[in-house]
Amino acid sequence: MYDTHITEKQFRSLSDTVYRVSGIHLTDNKKDLLKARIAKRLRATKITSVTDYIHRIDQDSEEFKRFIDGITTNHTYFFRENKHCEFIIKTMDRSRSLKIWSAASSSGEEAYTIAIQLIENGFSFRIYASDISDTILETANRGVYPMDRARAVPPDLLRKYFQKGVNHSINKIRIKDCVKEHITFGKYNLVTGTPPQSEYNIIFCRNVMIYFDLPTKQKVMDDMVKALKPGGLFIFGQSESMVGIKTPLMTISPSIYRKP
């Protein structure tokens, strides 16, 4: 029997740890989320209480990494919020070679979605796709997903850029190598990492700022602006807001900004 009860002191301690490592701010209404993620690790490790699990992650760096992975990993799918890619295809110069950063790319669906459409429309490009989680980056590099992650992919593109699994992989799909060769996956912590200077034409940083408090949002945004080339595009999640963040970026379309 697993005891997933978390005391207020334990919640504060774990929240502080998650914030320090990832910048994710676990407010009181995220307590159930934390309990659910810990319950999953209790079952995996056969540890029966939160107290014993906290002791385990204090002593075991590999389990600590799995704990952070569990908190920071979020569900995504191919062609999510695709209006951003449509905007790029309509407005960007195809004669230019684009350098793109998919920041907080999770399990790779965002980067692969961008790549498929840029290939399809004749762009020259490279994508750096980063995440804080080693486990999720392994999934991204492998490029194998449950079929339901491709529910929004147009059928012609599904046939052209994915391989359907057979036998024991019947309900899975695999990204073709002609897409993978455009992308480099790597580990990067948006909160503690040192950003490159004026390197990228486009930065996607979507659906991650909602987990940060305002000071962390400001720090991450300052770094993203530094990493953009003058004239470069910064793309936010459609449900996110710049309210309270100081930035030189100019709005050019909903959730799309340009660096002067």
Protein backbone atom coordinates (compact mmCIF):
# COMPACT_ATOMS: atom_id res chain seq x y z
CA MET A 1 0.00 0.00 0.00
CA TYR A 2 1.40 3.40 -1.00
CA ASP A 3 0.97 6.40 1.28
CA THR A 4 0.93 9.53 -0.90
CA HIS A 5 0.05 11.96 1.89
CA ILE A 6 2.26 15.06 1.73
CA THR A 7 2.59 17.32 4.75
CA GLU A 8 2.69 21.07 4.30
CA LYS A 9 6.37 21.08 5.27
CA GLN A 10 7.16 18.38 2.69
CA PHE A 11 5.23 20.23 -0.01
CA ARG A 12 7.13 23.46 0.69
CA SER A 13 10.45 21.65 0.68
CA LEU A 14 9.76 19.81 -2.58
CA SER A 15 8.35 22.97 -4.17
CA ASP A 16 11.48 24.90 -3.24
CA THR A 17 13.64 22.14 -4.74
CA VAL A 18 11.68 22.08 -8.00
CA TYR A 19 11.88 25.88 -8.22
CA ARG A 20 15.62 25.93 -7.58
CA VAL A 21 16.36 23.29 -10.22
CA SER A 22 13.83 24.12 -12.94
CA GLY A 23 12.29 27.51 -12.20
CA ILE A 24 8.83 25.93 -12.08
CA HIS A 25 6.73 27.54 -9.38
CA LEU A 26 4.44 24.99 -7.70
CA THR A 27 1.67 27.00 -6.09
CA ASP A 28 -0.75 25.49 -3.59
CA ASN A 29 -3.16 24.49 -6.34
CA LYS A 30 -0.42 22.25 -7.80
CA LYS A 31 -0.29 20.04 -4.72
CA ASP A 32 -2.44 17.35 -6.33
CA LEU A 33 -0.18 17.39 -9.38
CA LEU A 34 2.87 16.88 -7.18
CA LYS A 35 1.14 14.02 -5.34
CA ALA A 36 0.21 12.33 -8.62
CA ARG A 37 3.75 12.55 -9.99
CA ILE A 38 5.23 11.24 -6.73
CA ALA A 39 2.68 8.41 -6.60
CA LYS A 40 3.93 7.28 -10.01
CA ARG A 41 7.51 7.18 -8.73
CA LEU A 42 6.44 5.35 -5.55
CA ARG A 43 4.97 2.57 -7.69
CA ALA A 44 8.05 2.46 -9.90
CA THR A 45 10.52 2.29 -7.01
CA LYS A 46 8.34 0.19 -4.65
CA ILE A 47 8.83 2.84 -1.97
CA THR A 48 5.74 3.02 0.22
CA SER A 49 5.72 6.57 1.65
CA VAL A 50 6.51 10.13 0.65
CA THR A 51 8.85 10.46 3.63
CA ASP A 52 10.94 7.52 2.45
CA TYR A 53 10.86 8.78 -1.13
CA ILE A 54 12.17 12.21 -0.10
CA HIS A 55 15.00 10.44 1.72
CA ARG A 56 15.68 8.45 -1.48
CA ILE A 57 15.97 11.50 -3.75
CA ASP A 58 18.23 13.18 -1.20
CA GLN A 59 20.63 10.22 -1.53
CA ASP A 60 20.12 9.01 -5.11
CA SER A 61 20.98 11.46 -7.90
CA GLU A 62 19.45 9.25 -10.61
CA GLU A 63 16.11 9.06 -8.81
CA PHE A 64 16.26 12.79 -8.14
CA LYS A 65 16.63 13.31 -11.89
CA ARG A 66 13.61 11.07 -12.55
CA PHE A 67 11.60 13.06 -10.00
CA ILE A 68 12.44 16.37 -11.72
CA ASP A 69 11.68 14.77 -15.10
CA GLY A 70 8.26 13.75 -13.81
CA ILE A 71 7.43 17.26 -12.66
CA THR A 72 8.71 19.11 -15.73
CA THR A 73 7.37 16.84 -18.48
CA ASN A 74 4.06 17.88 -20.02
CA HIS A 75 1.81 16.37 -22.66
CA THR A 76 2.06 17.64 -26.21
CA TYR A 77 1.26 16.53 -29.75
CA PHE A 78 2.15 17.20 -33.39
CA PHE A 79 0.82 20.36 -35.09
CA ARG A 80 -0.22 21.94 -31.81
CA GLU A 81 -0.88 25.72 -32.16
CA ASN A 82 0.12 25.46 -35.81
CA LYS A 83 -0.83 29.04 -36.74
CA HIS A 84 2.70 30.01 -35.74
CA CYS A 85 4.24 27.75 -38.39
CA GLU A 86 1.71 28.95 -40.94
CA PHE A 87 2.79 32.54 -40.22
CA ILE A 88 6.46 31.67 -40.77
CA ILE A 89 5.75 29.92 -44.05
CA LYS A 90 3.73 32.89 -45.33
CA THR A 91 6.11 35.66 -44.24
CA MET A 92 9.71 34.39 -44.11
CA ASP A 93 12.11 34.64 -47.06
CA ARG A 94 12.79 31.16 -48.46
CA SER A 95 16.17 32.29 -49.80
CA ARG A 96 17.45 32.71 -46.23
CA SER A 97 18.84 29.84 -44.20
CA LEU A 98 17.01 29.88 -40.86
CA LYS A 99 18.43 29.00 -37.48
CA ILE A 100 15.64 28.09 -35.05
CA TRP A 101 15.55 27.32 -31.33
CA SER A 102 12.70 25.21 -30.01
CA ALA A 103 13.16 25.95 -26.30
CA ALA A 104 11.48 23.66 -23.76
CA SER A 105 10.71 21.35 -26.68
CA SER A 106 9.52 18.50 -24.46
CA SER A 107 9.44 15.16 -26.31
CA GLY A 108 10.17 16.64 -29.73
CA GLU A 109 6.77 17.02 -31.35
CA GLU A 110 7.14 20.79 -31.67
CA ALA A 111 10.54 20.62 -33.39
CA TYR A 112 9.44 17.86 -35.75
CA THR A 113 6.26 19.77 -36.60
CA ILE A 114 8.28 22.86 -37.53
CA ALA A 115 10.77 20.81 -39.55
CA ILE A 116 8.12 18.92 -41.56
CA GLN A 117 6.47 22.11 -42.72
CA LEU A 118 9.68 23.93 -43.53
CA ILE A 119 10.90 20.95 -45.58
CA GLU A 120 7.54 20.80 -47.34
CA ASN A 121 7.79 24.48 -48.27
CA GLY A 122 11.38 24.51 -49.48
CA PHE A 123 13.16 26.26 -46.60
CA SER A 124 16.81 25.77 -45.64
CA PHE A 125 17.11 25.53 -41.87
CA ARG A 126 18.56 23.99 -38.71
CA ILE A 127 16.66 23.51 -35.45
CA TYR A 128 18.15 23.26 -31.97
CA ALA A 129 15.53 21.67 -29.71
CA SER A 130 16.26 21.81 -25.98
CA ASP A 131 14.72 20.54 -22.79
CA ILE A 132 15.71 20.12 -19.15
CA SER A 133 14.82 16.42 -19.03
CA ASP A 134 17.27 13.71 -20.12
CA THR A 135 14.48 11.16 -20.29
CA ILE A 136 12.29 13.25 -22.54
CA LEU A 137 15.25 14.09 -24.79
CA GLU A 138 15.85 10.36 -25.28
CA THR A 139 12.25 10.07 -26.49
CA ALA A 140 12.75 13.02 -28.83
CA ASN A 141 15.93 11.58 -30.33
CA ARG A 142 14.27 8.20 -30.82
CA GLY A 143 11.35 9.83 -32.65
CA VAL A 144 8.83 7.08 -31.90
CA TYR A 145 5.39 8.09 -30.59
CA PRO A 146 1.90 6.76 -29.87
CA MET A 147 -0.33 7.15 -32.91
CA ASP A 148 -2.70 9.54 -31.11
CA ARG A 149 0.04 12.21 -30.93
CA ALA A 150 -0.37 12.62 -34.71
CA ARG A 151 -4.14 13.17 -34.64
CA ALA A 152 -3.75 16.75 -35.97
CA VAL A 153 -1.27 15.92 -38.75
CA PRO A 154 -2.72 16.28 -42.28
CA PRO A 155 -3.01 12.78 -43.85
CA ASP A 156 -0.69 13.57 -46.78
CA LEU A 157 2.06 14.74 -44.43
CA LEU A 158 1.51 11.75 -42.16
CA ARG A 159 2.16 9.41 -45.07
CA LYS A 160 5.15 11.40 -46.33
CA TYR A 161 7.10 12.02 -43.13
CA PHE A 162 6.09 9.23 -40.72
CA GLN A 163 6.44 5.46 -40.73
CA LYS A 164 3.64 3.42 -39.21
CA GLY A 165 4.60 0.66 -36.83
CA VAL A 166 3.86 -3.01 -37.48
CA ASN A 167 3.48 -6.07 -35.26
CA HIS A 168 4.19 -5.08 -31.64
CA SER A 169 4.48 -1.40 -32.70
CA ILE A 170 1.13 -1.35 -34.53
CA ASN A 171 -0.15 1.70 -32.61
CA LYS A 172 3.05 3.72 -32.94
CA ILE A 173 4.61 6.02 -35.52
CA ARG A 174 8.23 6.94 -36.25
CA ILE A 175 9.63 10.17 -37.66
CA LYS A 176 11.55 9.58 -40.90
CA ASP A 177 15.25 10.34 -41.02
CA CYS A 178 14.76 13.06 -43.66
CA VAL A 179 13.11 15.11 -40.89
CA LYS A 180 15.41 14.11 -38.03
CA GLU A 181 18.53 15.18 -39.89
CA HIS A 182 17.49 18.85 -39.59
CA ILE A 183 17.29 18.80 -35.78
CA THR A 184 19.78 18.64 -32.93
CA PHE A 185 18.35 17.82 -29.50
CA GLY A 186 20.21 18.98 -26.40
CA LYS A 187 19.83 19.62 -22.70
CA TYR A 188 19.33 23.21 -21.63
CA ASN A 189 17.92 24.73 -18.44
CA LEU A 190 16.05 27.94 -19.26
CA VAL A 191 16.57 29.24 -15.74
CA THR A 192 20.25 28.48 -15.13
CA GLY A 193 21.64 28.16 -18.66
CA THR A 194 23.81 30.75 -20.40
CA PRO A 195 22.13 31.78 -23.67
CA PRO A 196 24.00 32.30 -26.94
CA GLN A 197 24.26 35.85 -28.27
CA SER A 198 22.34 36.97 -31.39
CA GLU A 199 22.31 33.48 -32.88
CA TYR A 200 18.72 32.57 -33.84
CA ASN A 201 16.32 33.86 -36.48
CA ILE A 202 13.33 32.34 -34.66
CA ILE A 203 12.81 31.16 -31.09
CA PHE A 204 9.80 29.11 -30.05
CA CYS A 205 9.27 29.24 -26.27
CA ARG A 206 5.71 28.03 -25.89
CA ASN A 207 3.62 26.78 -22.99
CA VAL A 208 6.41 26.86 -20.43
CA MET A 209 6.28 30.42 -19.05
CA ILE A 210 2.92 29.63 -17.45
CA TYR A 211 4.83 27.54 -14.89
CA PHE A 212 7.19 30.38 -13.88
CA ASP A 213 6.72 33.25 -11.46
CA LEU A 214 7.27 36.80 -12.73
CA PRO A 215 10.98 37.16 -11.80
CA THR A 216 11.76 33.85 -13.54
CA LYS A 217 9.72 34.87 -16.59
CA GLN A 218 11.68 38.11 -16.80
CA LYS A 219 15.03 36.31 -16.53
CA VAL A 220 14.09 33.76 -19.21
CA MET A 221 12.74 36.47 -21.50
CA ASP A 222 15.91 38.55 -21.14
CA ASP A 223 17.93 35.50 -22.16
CA MET A 224 15.69 34.73 -25.13
CA VAL A 225 15.99 38.30 -26.40
CA LYS A 226 19.79 38.06 -26.18
CA ALA A 227 19.73 34.84 -28.21
CA LEU A 228 17.65 36.38 -31.03
CA LYS A 229 19.28 38.08 -34.00
CA PRO A 230 18.04 41.63 -34.71
CA GLY A 231 14.83 41.25 -36.69
CA GLY A 232 14.33 37.75 -35.31
CA LEU A 233 10.97 36.32 -34.24
CA PHE A 234 10.01 35.23 -30.72
CA ILE A 235 6.98 32.95 -30.51
CA PHE A 236 5.00 32.55 -27.28
CA GLY A 237 2.25 30.07 -26.44
CA GLN A 238 -1.23 31.23 -27.45
CA SER A 239 -2.48 30.98 -23.86
CA GLU A 240 0.48 32.89 -22.41
CA SER A 241 0.83 36.58 -21.67
CA MET A 242 3.61 39.18 -21.68
CA VAL A 243 1.85 41.12 -18.92
CA GLY A 244 4.39 42.33 -16.37
CA ILE A 245 7.41 41.36 -18.49
CA LYS A 246 9.67 44.16 -19.73
CA THR A 247 10.92 43.50 -23.25
CA PRO A 248 11.98 45.45 -26.36
CA LEU A 249 10.07 43.01 -28.60
CA MET A 250 7.38 44.39 -30.89
CA THR A 251 4.07 42.57 -31.40
CA ILE A 252 3.51 41.65 -35.05
CA SER A 253 0.76 39.03 -34.66
CA PRO A 254 -1.00 37.33 -31.73
CA SER A 255 1.76 35.69 -29.59
CA ILE A 256 4.41 36.51 -32.25
CA TYR A 257 7.00 39.22 -31.57
CA ARG A 258 9.95 40.74 -33.43
CA LYS A 259 13.27 41.96 -32.06
CA PRO A 260 14.08 45.48 -33.31
